[in-house]
Amino acid sequence: METVVSGIRPTGNLHLGNYFGAVKNFVKMQDNNNCLFFIADYHSLTTHPTPTDLQGNVKQVLAEYLASGLDPEKSVIYIQSDLPEVAELTLLLNMNAYIGELERTASFKEKVRQNPDNVNAGLLTYPVLMAADIIIHRARKVPVGKDQEQHLEMTRKFAARFNRMYGAEYFPIPEPFNFGEELVKIPGLDGTGKMGKSSGNGIYLAEDPASIRKKVMRAVTDAGPVEKNSPVSEPISNLFTIMSVVSKPETLQYFKDAYSDCSIRYGDLKKQLAEDIITFVAPIRERILEISSDSEYLRKVVKMGKEKAHASASQTIKDVRELIGIRPF
């Protein structure tokens, strides 16, 4: 089986976009691949969370991973900072990563634009840490969204550069992995853009029914179609996209037809969408609450994941040190 690696930053609860854009595929992958899924707490430090928030967020994402179907008996589930080898490999890769290529990264330029007072070195070298996360396990497949494609390309570049510099085809060159299907991009409720943790436009897996109803009823719409078979506006198309993953096909078709013949009532659309989201997340939410309260089980999962991930990472560091020439006398 080929090795698959991916991770999610613990910067807040997982939402529908995380689930349909990543976690749902993670669950499918674990049956036929050697999967390692981690919680990227090192990555989250670029935004300076408080220690209490960081620890709480890590625990929450771990519970949500497990509640969504990730199985610690099938996959290696671990916390990034439990592997000091990741930090060491990041340092070693940094020696062969160049300022110019890091500054040209689209995500870095966007972060600089958004937060000019927090342009830290961690943001600049974010792609190097991501590369270390992946190649520390010599992964061949990486499930990535559209916004991470450039980072994966840099991972491929760093792996190939290491192989070339040290005359060994040691690191596999990882490939993007999505089962050959187009990735699902779940939009937010604000009329534009994707669902995001920091955008305030998402529905969370652990969210209670009352909150879901309130958010959906406040979702952005338009003035309504005035002619039959009018093109669907972006805000309504977004609601239809969310409905396509949580509702029955005939429900979605009913509201699409109503839009086409100008009989649609947005209040009815939102009420139906809210109830369908609640029905979908209910079993996951119940499982999240159950797992979150079982600290002993969470510690067991983390301990098992750490031991398994460490076995893979420590061998890589041993080999890399030998190739570079860091050897005992």
C-alpha atoms as a PDB file:
ATOM      1  CA  MET A   1       0.000   0.000   0.000  1.00  0.00           C
ATOM      2  CA  GLU A   2       1.197   3.497  -0.794  1.00  0.00           C
ATOM      3  CA  THR A   3       1.756   6.055   1.954  1.00  0.00           C
ATOM      4  CA  VAL A   4      -0.660   8.988   2.214  1.00  0.00           C
ATOM      5  CA  VAL A   5      -0.029  11.973   4.501  1.00  0.00           C
ATOM      6  CA  SER A   6      -2.222  14.974   5.286  1.00  0.00           C
ATOM      7  CA  GLY A   7      -3.014  17.271   8.189  1.00  0.00           C
ATOM      8  CA  ILE A   8      -5.358  20.002   9.398  1.00  0.00           C
ATOM      9  CA  ARG A   9      -4.425  23.046  11.467  1.00  0.00           C
ATOM     10  CA  PRO A  10      -6.196  23.266  14.851  1.00  0.00           C
ATOM     11  CA  THR A  11      -7.415  26.812  14.349  1.00  0.00           C
ATOM     12  CA  GLY A  12     -11.056  26.119  15.149  1.00  0.00           C
ATOM     13  CA  ASN A  13     -13.770  23.512  14.830  1.00  0.00           C
ATOM     14  CA  LEU A  14     -14.062  21.534  11.602  1.00  0.00           C
ATOM     15  CA  HIS A  15     -16.851  22.718   9.311  1.00  0.00           C
ATOM     16  CA  LEU A  16     -18.765  21.228   6.388  1.00  0.00           C
ATOM     17  CA  GLY A  17     -16.087  22.482   3.996  1.00  0.00           C
ATOM     18  CA  ASN A  18     -13.386  20.584   5.898  1.00  0.00           C
ATOM     19  CA  TYR A  19     -15.531  17.465   5.972  1.00  0.00           C
ATOM     20  CA  PHE A  20     -16.545  17.302   2.305  1.00  0.00           C
ATOM     21  CA  GLY A  21     -13.305  18.816   0.991  1.00  0.00           C
ATOM     22  CA  ALA A  22     -10.924  16.643   3.000  1.00  0.00           C
ATOM     23  CA  VAL A  23     -12.053  14.413   5.869  1.00  0.00           C
ATOM     24  CA  LYS A  24     -14.608  12.415   3.855  1.00  0.00           C
ATOM     25  CA  ASN A  25     -11.827  11.435   1.452  1.00  0.00           C
ATOM     26  CA  PHE A  26      -9.488  10.666   4.360  1.00  0.00           C
ATOM     27  CA  VAL A  27     -12.002   8.094   5.586  1.00  0.00           C
ATOM     28  CA  LYS A  28     -12.126   6.455   2.141  1.00  0.00           C
ATOM     29  CA  MET A  29      -8.336   6.432   1.798  1.00  0.00           C
ATOM     30  CA  GLN A  30      -7.607   4.595   5.026  1.00  0.00           C
ATOM     31  CA  ASP A  31      -8.980   1.275   3.750  1.00  0.00           C
ATOM     32  CA  ASN A  32      -6.517   0.871   0.875  1.00  0.00           C
ATOM     33  CA  ASN A  33      -3.518   3.011   1.785  1.00  0.00           C
ATOM     34  CA  ASN A  34      -0.954   3.449   4.543  1.00  0.00           C
ATOM     35  CA  CYS A  35      -2.432   6.664   5.926  1.00  0.00           C
ATOM     36  CA  LEU A  36      -0.948   9.143   8.380  1.00  0.00           C
ATOM     37  CA  PHE A  37      -3.180  12.039   9.418  1.00  0.00           C
ATOM     38  CA  PHE A  38      -1.880  14.686  11.805  1.00  0.00           C
ATOM     39  CA  ILE A  39      -3.040  17.771  13.658  1.00  0.00           C
ATOM     40  CA  ALA A  40      -0.735  20.585  12.557  1.00  0.00           C
ATOM     41  CA  ASP A  41      -0.195  22.481  15.808  1.00  0.00           C
ATOM     42  CA  TYR A  42       3.248  23.784  14.730  1.00  0.00           C
ATOM     43  CA  HIS A  43       1.606  25.411  11.704  1.00  0.00           C
ATOM     44  CA  SER A  44      -0.998  27.144  13.862  1.00  0.00           C
ATOM     45  CA  LEU A  45       1.701  28.962  15.850  1.00  0.00           C
ATOM     46  CA  THR A  46       2.103  31.544  13.071  1.00  0.00           C
ATOM     47  CA  THR A  47      -1.080  33.182  14.385  1.00  0.00           C
ATOM     48  CA  HIS A  48       0.078  33.085  18.046  1.00  0.00           C
ATOM     49  CA  PRO A  49      -2.785  31.232  19.790  1.00  0.00           C
ATOM     50  CA  THR A  50      -2.820  31.256  23.574  1.00  0.00           C
ATOM     51  CA  PRO A  51      -1.581  28.017  25.205  1.00  0.00           C
ATOM     52  CA  THR A  52      -5.079  27.264  26.467  1.00  0.00           C
ATOM     53  CA  ASP A  53      -6.669  27.816  23.067  1.00  0.00           C
ATOM     54  CA  LEU A  54      -4.022  25.726  21.323  1.00  0.00           C
ATOM     55  CA  GLN A  55      -4.452  22.739  23.620  1.00  0.00           C
ATOM     56  CA  GLY A  56      -8.234  22.958  23.466  1.00  0.00           C
ATOM     57  CA  ASN A  57      -8.257  23.226  19.684  1.00  0.00           C
ATOM     58  CA  VAL A  58      -5.953  20.209  19.291  1.00  0.00           C
ATOM     59  CA  LYS A  59      -8.239  18.111  21.496  1.00  0.00           C
ATOM     60  CA  GLN A  60     -11.325  19.303  19.611  1.00  0.00           C
ATOM     61  CA  VAL A  61      -9.937  18.527  16.150  1.00  0.00           C
ATOM     62  CA  LEU A  62      -8.746  15.125  17.333  1.00  0.00           C
ATOM     63  CA  ALA A  63     -12.255  14.302  18.582  1.00  0.00           C
ATOM     64  CA  GLU A  64     -13.749  15.567  15.324  1.00  0.00           C
ATOM     65  CA  TYR A  65     -11.330  13.485  13.248  1.00  0.00           C
ATOM     66  CA  LEU A  66     -12.387  10.363  15.146  1.00  0.00           C
ATOM     67  CA  ALA A  67     -16.098  11.216  15.123  1.00  0.00           C
ATOM     68  CA  SER A  68     -15.961  11.710  11.353  1.00  0.00           C
ATOM     69  CA  GLY A  69     -14.724   8.175  10.788  1.00  0.00           C
ATOM     70  CA  LEU A  70     -10.939   8.164  11.027  1.00  0.00           C
ATOM     71  CA  ASP A  71      -9.949   4.899  12.682  1.00  0.00           C
ATOM     72  CA  PRO A  72      -6.749   4.741  14.779  1.00  0.00           C
ATOM     73  CA  GLU A  73      -6.589   1.011  14.020  1.00  0.00           C
ATOM     74  CA  LYS A  74      -6.477   1.719  10.278  1.00  0.00           C
ATOM     75  CA  SER A  75      -4.636   5.050  10.153  1.00  0.00           C
ATOM     76  CA  VAL A  76      -1.851   6.681  12.126  1.00  0.00           C
ATOM     77  CA  ILE A  77      -3.419   9.711  13.814  1.00  0.00           C
ATOM     78  CA  TYR A  78      -0.945  11.941  15.617  1.00  0.00           C
ATOM     79  CA  ILE A  79      -0.090  15.442  16.749  1.00  0.00           C
ATOM     80  CA  GLN A  80       2.573  17.185  14.681  1.00  0.00           C
ATOM     81  CA  SER A  81       4.576  18.449  17.665  1.00  0.00           C
ATOM     82  CA  ASP A  82       4.872  14.907  19.022  1.00  0.00           C
ATOM     83  CA  LEU A  83       7.481  14.313  16.317  1.00  0.00           C
ATOM     84  CA  PRO A  84      10.652  16.349  17.013  1.00  0.00           C
ATOM     85  CA  GLU A  85      12.004  14.786  13.811  1.00  0.00           C
ATOM     86  CA  VAL A  86       9.683  17.085  11.841  1.00  0.00           C
ATOM     87  CA  ALA A  87      11.389  20.156  13.315  1.00  0.00           C
ATOM     88  CA  GLU A  88      14.824  18.720  12.555  1.00  0.00           C
ATOM     89  CA  LEU A  89      13.955  17.891   8.956  1.00  0.00           C
ATOM     90  CA  THR A  90      12.474  21.375   8.524  1.00  0.00           C
ATOM     91  CA  LEU A  91      15.766  22.890   9.677  1.00  0.00           C
ATOM     92  CA  LEU A  92      17.755  20.703   7.266  1.00  0.00           C
ATOM     93  CA  LEU A  93      15.435  21.485   4.328  1.00  0.00           C
ATOM     94  CA  ASN A  94      15.635  25.213   5.140  1.00  0.00           C
ATOM     95  CA  MET A  95      19.331  25.103   4.261  1.00  0.00           C
ATOM     96  CA  ASN A  96      18.343  24.346   0.677  1.00  0.00           C
ATOM     97  CA  ALA A  97      15.230  26.540   0.429  1.00  0.00           C
ATOM     98  CA  TYR A  98      15.788  29.963  -1.101  1.00  0.00           C
ATOM     99  CA  ILE A  99      14.360  33.268   0.071  1.00  0.00           C
ATOM    100  CA  GLY A 100      13.184  34.275  -3.398  1.00  0.00           C
ATOM    101  CA  GLU A 101      11.096  31.163  -3.991  1.00  0.00           C
ATOM    102  CA  LEU A 102       9.550  31.378  -0.522  1.00  0.00           C
ATOM    103  CA  GLU A 103       8.662  35.061  -0.932  1.00  0.00           C
ATOM    104  CA  ARG A 104       6.948  34.303  -4.248  1.00  0.00           C
ATOM    105  CA  THR A 105       4.563  31.806  -2.655  1.00  0.00           C
ATOM    106  CA  ALA A 106       0.997  32.999  -3.208  1.00  0.00           C
ATOM    107  CA  SER A 107      -0.107  32.165   0.334  1.00  0.00           C
ATOM    108  CA  PHE A 108       2.808  34.125   1.833  1.00  0.00           C
ATOM    109  CA  LYS A 109       2.033  37.194  -0.262  1.00  0.00           C
ATOM    110  CA  GLU A 110      -1.625  36.944   0.755  1.00  0.00           C
ATOM    111  CA  LYS A 111      -0.741  36.673   4.460  1.00  0.00           C
ATOM    112  CA  VAL A 112       1.537  39.707   4.172  1.00  0.00           C
ATOM    113  CA  ARG A 113      -1.292  41.657   2.571  1.00  0.00           C
ATOM    114  CA  GLN A 114      -3.819  40.588   5.210  1.00  0.00           C
ATOM    115  CA  ASN A 115      -1.592  40.905   8.295  1.00  0.00           C
ATOM    116  CA  PRO A 116       1.296  43.302   7.602  1.00  0.00           C
ATOM    117  CA  ASP A 117       2.094  43.515  11.327  1.00  0.00           C
ATOM    118  CA  ASN A 118       2.607  39.756  11.676  1.00  0.00           C
ATOM    119  CA  VAL A 119       5.015  38.810   8.897  1.00  0.00           C
ATOM    120  CA  ASN A 120       6.946  36.208  10.868  1.00  0.00           C
ATOM    121  CA  ALA A 121       9.572  33.733   9.689  1.00  0.00           C
ATOM    122  CA  GLY A 122       7.132  30.883  10.274  1.00  0.00           C
ATOM    123  CA  LEU A 123       4.871  32.263   7.549  1.00  0.00           C
ATOM    124  CA  LEU A 124       7.796  32.541   5.151  1.00  0.00           C
ATOM    125  CA  THR A 125       8.997  28.981   5.773  1.00  0.00           C
ATOM    126  CA  TYR A 126       5.504  27.481   6.035  1.00  0.00           C
ATOM    127  CA  PRO A 127       6.008  25.501   2.769  1.00  0.00           C
ATOM    128  CA  VAL A 128       9.235  24.001   4.153  1.00  0.00           C
ATOM    129  CA  LEU A 129       7.496  22.757   7.294  1.00  0.00           C
ATOM    130  CA  MET A 130       4.716  21.357   5.123  1.00  0.00           C
ATOM    131  CA  ALA A 131       7.296  19.574   2.988  1.00  0.00           C
ATOM    132  CA  ALA A 132       8.889  18.083   6.103  1.00  0.00           C
ATOM    133  CA  ASP A 133       5.471  16.858   7.288  1.00  0.00           C
ATOM    134  CA  ILE A 134       5.035  14.951   4.051  1.00  0.00           C
ATOM    135  CA  ILE A 135       8.454  13.588   3.184  1.00  0.00           C
ATOM    136  CA  ILE A 136       9.320  12.637   6.793  1.00  0.00           C
ATOM    137  CA  HIS A 137       7.165   9.584   6.056  1.00  0.00           C
ATOM    138  CA  ARG A 138       8.331   9.335   2.424  1.00  0.00           C
ATOM    139  CA  ALA A 139       4.734   9.760   1.285  1.00  0.00           C
ATOM    140  CA  ARG A 140       3.742   9.146  -2.324  1.00  0.00           C
ATOM    141  CA  LYS A 141       0.243  10.631  -2.164  1.00  0.00           C
ATOM    142  CA  VAL A 142      -1.052  13.849  -0.626  1.00  0.00           C
ATOM    143  CA  PRO A 143      -4.746  14.802  -0.639  1.00  0.00           C
ATOM    144  CA  VAL A 144      -4.748  18.556  -1.238  1.00  0.00           C
ATOM    145  CA  GLY A 145      -7.260  21.241  -2.032  1.00  0.00           C
ATOM    146  CA  LYS A 146      -6.843  23.872  -4.720  1.00  0.00           C
ATOM    147  CA  ASP A 147      -5.374  26.359  -2.235  1.00  0.00           C
ATOM    148  CA  GLN A 148      -2.589  23.931  -1.275  1.00  0.00           C
ATOM    149  CA  GLU A 149      -1.478  22.894  -4.767  1.00  0.00           C
ATOM    150  CA  GLN A 150       1.419  25.379  -4.849  1.00  0.00           C
ATOM    151  CA  HIS A 151       2.679  24.164  -1.467  1.00  0.00           C
ATOM    152  CA  LEU A 152       2.652  20.569  -2.710  1.00  0.00           C
ATOM    153  CA  GLU A 153       4.561  21.633  -5.804  1.00  0.00           C
ATOM    154  CA  MET A 154       7.183  23.169  -3.519  1.00  0.00           C
ATOM    155  CA  THR A 155       7.308  19.922  -1.520  1.00  0.00           C
ATOM    156  CA  ARG A 156       8.029  18.107  -4.763  1.00  0.00           C
ATOM    157  CA  LYS A 157      10.731  20.662  -5.553  1.00  0.00           C
ATOM    158  CA  PHE A 158      12.412  20.333  -2.133  1.00  0.00           C
ATOM    159  CA  ALA A 159      12.338  16.519  -2.294  1.00  0.00           C
ATOM    160  CA  ALA A 160      13.834  16.480  -5.788  1.00  0.00           C
ATOM    161  CA  ARG A 161      16.452  19.070  -4.803  1.00  0.00           C
ATOM    162  CA  PHE A 162      17.546  16.982  -1.817  1.00  0.00           C
ATOM    163  CA  ASN A 163      17.806  13.881  -3.993  1.00  0.00           C
ATOM    164  CA  ARG A 164      19.874  15.781  -6.539  1.00  0.00           C
ATOM    165  CA  MET A 165      22.184  17.478  -4.036  1.00  0.00           C
ATOM    166  CA  TYR A 166      23.022  14.299  -2.171  1.00  0.00           C
ATOM    167  CA  GLY A 167      23.087  11.936  -5.128  1.00  0.00           C
ATOM    168  CA  ALA A 168      20.376   9.598  -3.926  1.00  0.00           C
ATOM    169  CA  GLU A 169      16.804   8.950  -5.008  1.00  0.00           C
ATOM    170  CA  TYR A 170      15.821   8.832  -1.371  1.00  0.00           C
ATOM    171  CA  PHE A 171      12.604  10.830  -1.206  1.00  0.00           C
ATOM    172  CA  PRO A 172       9.673   9.812  -3.418  1.00  0.00           C
ATOM    173  CA  ILE A 173       8.190  12.766  -5.305  1.00  0.00           C
ATOM    174  CA  PRO A 174       4.655  12.991  -3.860  1.00  0.00           C
ATOM    175  CA  GLU A 175       1.604  13.291  -6.100  1.00  0.00           C
ATOM    176  CA  PRO A 176      -1.760  14.955  -5.381  1.00  0.00           C
ATOM    177  CA  PHE A 177      -4.448  12.414  -4.592  1.00  0.00           C
ATOM    178  CA  ASN A 178      -8.226  12.755  -4.854  1.00  0.00           C
ATOM    179  CA  PHE A 179      -9.445   9.448  -6.350  1.00  0.00           C
ATOM    180  CA  GLY A 180      -9.451  11.080  -9.765  1.00  0.00           C
ATOM    181  CA  GLU A 181     -12.538  13.067  -8.771  1.00  0.00           C
ATOM    182  CA  GLU A 182     -13.022  16.814  -8.761  1.00  0.00           C
ATOM    183  CA  LEU A 183     -12.626  18.067  -5.206  1.00  0.00           C
ATOM    184  CA  VAL A 184     -15.794  19.332  -3.556  1.00  0.00           C
ATOM    185  CA  LYS A 185     -15.547  23.009  -2.651  1.00  0.00           C
ATOM    186  CA  ILE A 186     -18.184  23.930  -0.094  1.00  0.00           C
ATOM    187  CA  PRO A 187     -19.046  27.648  -0.254  1.00  0.00           C
ATOM    188  CA  GLY A 188     -19.802  29.822   2.726  1.00  0.00           C
ATOM    189  CA  LEU A 189     -23.127  31.377   3.685  1.00  0.00           C
ATOM    190  CA  ASP A 190     -22.040  34.921   2.904  1.00  0.00           C
ATOM    191  CA  GLY A 191     -22.706  34.749  -0.833  1.00  0.00           C
ATOM    192  CA  THR A 192     -19.124  34.453  -2.063  1.00  0.00           C
ATOM    193  CA  GLY A 193     -16.021  32.393  -1.468  1.00  0.00           C
ATOM    194  CA  LYS A 194     -15.427  29.058   0.206  1.00  0.00           C
ATOM    195  CA  MET A 195     -16.430  28.090   3.714  1.00  0.00           C
ATOM    196  CA  GLY A 196     -13.592  29.050   6.071  1.00  0.00           C
ATOM    197  CA  LYS A 197     -12.786  28.889   9.772  1.00  0.00           C
ATOM    198  CA  SER A 198     -11.660  32.510   9.898  1.00  0.00           C
ATOM    199  CA  SER A 199     -14.397  33.882   7.625  1.00  0.00           C
ATOM    200  CA  GLY A 200     -17.327  33.381   9.986  1.00  0.00           C
ATOM    201  CA  ASN A 201     -19.355  31.898   7.127  1.00  0.00           C
ATOM    202  CA  GLY A 202     -19.344  28.214   8.049  1.00  0.00           C
ATOM    203  CA  ILE A 203     -21.455  25.487   9.618  1.00  0.00           C
ATOM    204  CA  TYR A 204     -19.480  23.384  12.085  1.00  0.00           C
ATOM    205  CA  LEU A 205     -19.745  19.645  12.643  1.00  0.00           C
ATOM    206  CA  ALA A 206     -20.224  20.207  16.369  1.00  0.00           C
ATOM    207  CA  GLU A 207     -22.751  23.039  15.981  1.00  0.00           C
ATOM    208  CA  ASP A 208     -26.105  22.824  17.751  1.00  0.00           C
ATOM    209  CA  PRO A 209     -29.402  22.865  15.775  1.00  0.00           C
ATOM    210  CA  ALA A 210     -30.511  26.305  16.955  1.00  0.00           C
ATOM    211  CA  SER A 211     -27.255  27.886  15.798  1.00  0.00           C
ATOM    212  CA  ILE A 212     -27.431  26.120  12.433  1.00  0.00           C
ATOM    213  CA  ARG A 213     -30.970  27.346  11.829  1.00  0.00           C
ATOM    214  CA  LYS A 214     -30.010  30.911  12.753  1.00  0.00           C
ATOM    215  CA  LYS A 215     -26.983  30.938  10.437  1.00  0.00           C
ATOM    216  CA  VAL A 216     -28.778  29.410   7.467  1.00  0.00           C
ATOM    217  CA  MET A 217     -31.783  31.722   7.777  1.00  0.00           C
ATOM    218  CA  ARG A 218     -29.372  34.684   7.673  1.00  0.00           C
ATOM    219  CA  ALA A 219     -27.538  33.360   4.598  1.00  0.00           C
ATOM    220  CA  VAL A 220     -27.106  35.837   1.738  1.00  0.00           C
ATOM    221  CA  THR A 221     -29.568  35.476  -1.160  1.00  0.00           C
ATOM    222  CA  ASP A 222     -30.611  37.698  -4.058  1.00  0.00           C
ATOM    223  CA  ALA A 223     -33.788  39.567  -5.012  1.00  0.00           C
ATOM    224  CA  GLY A 224     -35.140  36.463  -6.733  1.00  0.00           C
ATOM    225  CA  PRO A 225     -35.477  35.491 -10.414  1.00  0.00           C
ATOM    226  CA  VAL A 226     -37.702  37.730 -12.535  1.00  0.00           C
ATOM    227  CA  GLU A 227     -37.698  35.646 -15.717  1.00  0.00           C
ATOM    228  CA  LYS A 228     -38.048  31.913 -16.202  1.00  0.00           C
ATOM    229  CA  ASN A 229     -34.822  29.956 -16.716  1.00  0.00           C
ATOM    230  CA  SER A 230     -32.688  32.870 -15.500  1.00  0.00           C
ATOM    231  CA  PRO A 231     -29.037  32.056 -14.711  1.00  0.00           C
ATOM    232  CA  VAL A 232     -28.640  31.163 -11.032  1.00  0.00           C
ATOM    233  CA  SER A 233     -26.883  33.918  -9.064  1.00  0.00           C
ATOM    234  CA  GLU A 234     -23.784  33.117  -7.021  1.00  0.00           C
ATOM    235  CA  PRO A 235     -25.462  33.324  -3.564  1.00  0.00           C
ATOM    236  CA  ILE A 236     -28.229  30.908  -4.596  1.00  0.00           C
ATOM    237  CA  SER A 237     -25.806  28.645  -6.438  1.00  0.00           C
ATOM    238  CA  ASN A 238     -23.836  28.436  -3.180  1.00  0.00           C
ATOM    239  CA  LEU A 239     -26.923  27.314  -1.260  1.00  0.00           C
ATOM    240  CA  PHE A 240     -27.670  24.737  -3.957  1.00  0.00           C
ATOM    241  CA  THR A 241     -24.086  23.442  -3.665  1.00  0.00           C
ATOM    242  CA  ILE A 242     -24.455  22.910   0.082  1.00  0.00           C
ATOM    243  CA  MET A 243     -27.840  21.293  -0.491  1.00  0.00           C
ATOM    244  CA  SER A 244     -26.273  18.923  -3.053  1.00  0.00           C
ATOM    245  CA  VAL A 245     -24.182  17.241  -0.329  1.00  0.00           C
ATOM    246  CA  VAL A 246     -26.646  17.169   2.582  1.00  0.00           C
ATOM    247  CA  SER A 247     -30.099  16.833   0.982  1.00  0.00           C
ATOM    248  CA  LYS A 248     -31.872  14.203  -1.080  1.00  0.00           C
ATOM    249  CA  PRO A 249     -31.450  14.651  -4.876  1.00  0.00           C
ATOM    250  CA  GLU A 250     -35.186  15.177  -5.324  1.00  0.00           C
ATOM    251  CA  THR A 251     -35.154  17.984  -2.742  1.00  0.00           C
ATOM    252  CA  LEU A 252     -32.415  19.822  -4.584  1.00  0.00           C
ATOM    253  CA  GLN A 253     -34.189  19.330  -7.900  1.00  0.00           C
ATOM    254  CA  TYR A 254     -37.445  20.687  -6.465  1.00  0.00           C
ATOM    255  CA  PHE A 255     -35.817  23.989  -5.506  1.00  0.00           C
ATOM    256  CA  LYS A 256     -33.857  24.224  -8.756  1.00  0.00           C
ATOM    257  CA  ASP A 257     -37.081  23.798 -10.699  1.00  0.00           C
ATOM    258  CA  ALA A 258     -38.760  26.393  -8.488  1.00  0.00           C
ATOM    259  CA  TYR A 259     -35.951  28.833  -9.250  1.00  0.00           C
ATOM    260  CA  SER A 260     -36.299  28.154 -12.981  1.00  0.00           C
ATOM    261  CA  ASP A 261     -40.046  28.868 -13.011  1.00  0.00           C
ATOM    262  CA  CYS A 262     -39.745  31.847 -10.605  1.00  0.00           C
ATOM    263  CA  SER A 263     -41.849  30.192  -7.885  1.00  0.00           C
ATOM    264  CA  ILE A 264     -39.011  29.715  -5.405  1.00  0.00           C
ATOM    265  CA  ARG A 265     -39.464  30.994  -1.859  1.00  0.00           C
ATOM    266  CA  TYR A 266     -36.084  31.565  -0.224  1.00  0.00           C
ATOM    267  CA  GLY A 267     -37.519  31.160   3.256  1.00  0.00           C
ATOM    268  CA  ASP A 268     -38.652  27.630   2.365  1.00  0.00           C
ATOM    269  CA  LEU A 269     -35.284  26.886   0.750  1.00  0.00           C
ATOM    270  CA  LYS A 270     -33.401  27.984   3.860  1.00  0.00           C
ATOM    271  CA  LYS A 271     -35.683  26.113   6.260  1.00  0.00           C
ATOM    272  CA  GLN A 272     -35.245  22.896   4.269  1.00  0.00           C
ATOM    273  CA  LEU A 273     -31.479  23.368   3.991  1.00  0.00           C
ATOM    274  CA  ALA A 274     -31.143  24.016   7.720  1.00  0.00           C
ATOM    275  CA  GLU A 275     -33.075  20.860   8.636  1.00  0.00           C
ATOM    276  CA  ASP A 276     -31.078  18.753   6.178  1.00  0.00           C
ATOM    277  CA  ILE A 277     -27.783  20.056   7.582  1.00  0.00           C
ATOM    278  CA  ILE A 278     -28.979  19.320  11.126  1.00  0.00           C
ATOM    279  CA  THR A 279     -29.948  15.773  10.115  1.00  0.00           C
ATOM    280  CA  PHE A 280     -26.571  15.237   8.463  1.00  0.00           C
ATOM    281  CA  VAL A 281     -24.369  16.531  11.296  1.00  0.00           C
ATOM    282  CA  ALA A 282     -26.437  15.093  14.167  1.00  0.00           C
ATOM    283  CA  PRO A 283     -24.717  11.678  14.414  1.00  0.00           C
ATOM    284  CA  ILE A 284     -21.278  13.280  13.987  1.00  0.00           C
ATOM    285  CA  ARG A 285     -22.060  15.918  16.617  1.00  0.00           C
ATOM    286  CA  GLU A 286     -23.231  13.263  19.094  1.00  0.00           C
ATOM    287  CA  ARG A 287     -20.059  11.286  18.523  1.00  0.00           C
ATOM    288  CA  ILE A 288     -17.913  14.424  18.947  1.00  0.00           C
ATOM    289  CA  LEU A 289     -19.507  15.147  22.323  1.00  0.00           C
ATOM    290  CA  GLU A 290     -19.045  11.541  23.402  1.00  0.00           C
ATOM    291  CA  ILE A 291     -15.386  11.331  22.354  1.00  0.00           C
ATOM    292  CA  SER A 292     -14.488  14.803  23.697  1.00  0.00           C
ATOM    293  CA  SER A 293     -15.529  13.741  27.184  1.00  0.00           C
ATOM    294  CA  ASP A 294     -13.416  10.553  27.083  1.00  0.00           C
ATOM    295  CA  SER A 295      -9.947  11.906  27.889  1.00  0.00           C
ATOM    296  CA  GLU A 296      -8.539   8.441  28.509  1.00  0.00           C
ATOM    297  CA  TYR A 297      -9.481   7.304  25.004  1.00  0.00           C
ATOM    298  CA  LEU A 298      -8.036  10.461  23.443  1.00  0.00           C
ATOM    299  CA  ARG A 299      -4.745   9.958  25.297  1.00  0.00           C
ATOM    300  CA  LYS A 300      -4.647   6.346  24.117  1.00  0.00           C
ATOM    301  CA  VAL A 301      -5.156   7.401  20.483  1.00  0.00           C
ATOM    302  CA  VAL A 302      -2.462  10.083  20.716  1.00  0.00           C
ATOM    303  CA  LYS A 303       0.027   7.716  22.361  1.00  0.00           C
ATOM    304  CA  MET A 304      -0.533   5.017  19.756  1.00  0.00           C
ATOM    305  CA  GLY A 305      -0.264   7.515  16.894  1.00  0.00           C
ATOM    306  CA  LYS A 306       2.908   9.047  18.303  1.00  0.00           C
ATOM    307  CA  GLU A 307       4.633   5.672  18.573  1.00  0.00           C
ATOM    308  CA  LYS A 308       3.720   4.629  15.033  1.00  0.00           C
ATOM    309  CA  ALA A 309       4.588   7.996  13.469  1.00  0.00           C
ATOM    310  CA  HIS A 310       7.870   8.152  15.402  1.00  0.00           C
ATOM    311  CA  ALA A 311       8.965   4.788  13.986  1.00  0.00           C
ATOM    312  CA  SER A 312       8.602   6.135  10.444  1.00  0.00           C
ATOM    313  CA  ALA A 313      10.052   9.595  11.117  1.00  0.00           C
ATOM    314  CA  SER A 314      13.080   8.452  13.136  1.00  0.00           C
ATOM    315  CA  GLN A 315      14.220   6.142  10.322  1.00  0.00           C
ATOM    316  CA  THR A 316      13.972   8.998   7.830  1.00  0.00           C
ATOM    317  CA  ILE A 317      16.048  11.334  10.008  1.00  0.00           C
ATOM    318  CA  LYS A 318      18.656   8.629  10.519  1.00  0.00           C
ATOM    319  CA  ASP A 319      18.920   8.125   6.752  1.00  0.00           C
ATOM    320  CA  VAL A 320      18.948  11.866   5.986  1.00  0.00           C
ATOM    321  CA  ARG A 321      21.704  12.552   8.515  1.00  0.00           C
ATOM    322  CA  GLU A 322      23.781   9.792   6.921  1.00  0.00           C
ATOM    323  CA  LEU A 323      23.228  11.153   3.410  1.00  0.00           C
ATOM    324  CA  ILE A 324      24.090  14.735   4.432  1.00  0.00           C
ATOM    325  CA  GLY A 325      27.184  13.618   6.314  1.00  0.00           C
ATOM    326  CA  ILE A 326      26.064  14.227   9.893  1.00  0.00           C
ATOM    327  CA  ARG A 327      27.702  11.147  11.348  1.00  0.00           C
ATOM    328  CA  PRO A 328      29.292  10.229  14.682  1.00  0.00           C
ATOM    329  CA  PHE A 329      33.056   9.889  14.792  1.00  0.00           C
END
